[in-house]
Protein backbone atom coordinates (compact mmCIF):
# COMPACT_ATOMS: atom_id res chain seq x y z
CA UNK A 1 -25.23 29.28 -1.74
CA UNK A 2 -23.92 26.84 1.09
CA UNK A 3 -26.52 27.95 3.50
CA UNK A 4 -29.30 27.03 0.83
CA UNK A 5 -27.89 23.56 0.41
CA UNK A 6 -27.61 22.85 4.14
CA UNK A 7 -31.03 24.33 4.87
CA UNK A 8 -32.60 21.94 2.42
CA UNK A 9 -30.65 18.95 3.74
CA UNK A 10 -32.82 16.55 5.82
CA UNK A 11 -32.20 12.86 6.56
CA UNK A 12 -34.31 10.72 8.77
CA UNK A 13 -35.50 13.68 10.70
CA UNK A 14 -32.16 15.24 11.05
CA UNK A 15 -31.73 18.83 9.80
CA UNK A 16 -29.48 21.90 10.37
CA UNK A 17 -31.30 24.65 12.34
CA UNK A 18 -29.96 28.22 12.35
CA UNK A 19 -27.68 27.99 9.41
CA UNK A 20 -27.86 31.79 9.11
CA UNK A 21 -25.55 32.06 12.06
CA UNK A 22 -22.73 30.24 10.23
CA UNK A 23 -19.89 32.11 8.51
CA UNK A 24 -19.28 30.45 5.13
CA UNK A 25 -16.59 32.83 4.03
CA UNK A 26 -13.48 31.32 5.64
CA UNK A 27 -12.47 27.95 6.82
CA UNK A 28 -11.58 27.52 10.50
CA UNK A 29 -8.14 26.77 11.77
CA UNK A 30 -9.26 23.28 13.05
CA UNK A 31 -10.74 22.40 9.64
CA UNK A 32 -7.55 23.36 7.84
CA UNK A 33 -5.48 21.60 10.33
CA UNK A 34 -7.56 18.36 9.75
CA UNK A 35 -7.21 18.62 6.13
CA UNK A 36 -3.40 18.93 6.41
CA UNK A 37 -3.31 15.94 8.77
CA UNK A 38 -5.25 13.73 6.29
CA UNK A 39 -2.89 14.79 3.54
CA UNK A 40 0.11 14.07 5.67
CA UNK A 41 -1.34 10.66 6.51
CA UNK A 42 -1.86 9.75 2.87
CA UNK A 43 1.60 10.85 2.08
CA UNK A 44 3.26 8.73 4.74
CA UNK A 45 0.98 5.76 3.60
CA UNK A 46 2.23 6.01 0.01
CA UNK A 47 5.79 6.40 1.06
CA UNK A 48 5.64 3.35 3.40
CA UNK A 49 3.84 1.36 0.73
CA UNK A 50 6.46 2.23 -1.96
CA UNK A 51 9.23 1.21 0.49
CA UNK A 52 7.53 -2.05 1.25
CA UNK A 53 6.91 -2.72 -2.47
CA UNK A 54 10.54 -2.00 -3.17
CA UNK A 55 11.78 -4.42 -0.53
CA UNK A 56 9.29 -7.20 -1.92
CA UNK A 57 10.71 -6.64 -5.42
CA UNK A 58 14.38 -6.54 -4.38
C-alpha cells in the first residue's frame, strides 16, 4: 500500500524512483531512534515549561 502512495507522489517534478526496492515491513533503527528523541525532547520541554509556570505563579 505504501509503495503505491509513494509511487503516485509527485511535486514540482520530484518523484520517488525505484520504490519497489524499499522494505515497508519494519522501521529502521535510525527512524525509531529519531522518534524516541523527538518524544524525549517534547517531554523535556513540557517539564521545563511546567517548572517555569510554577515559578511564575509562586
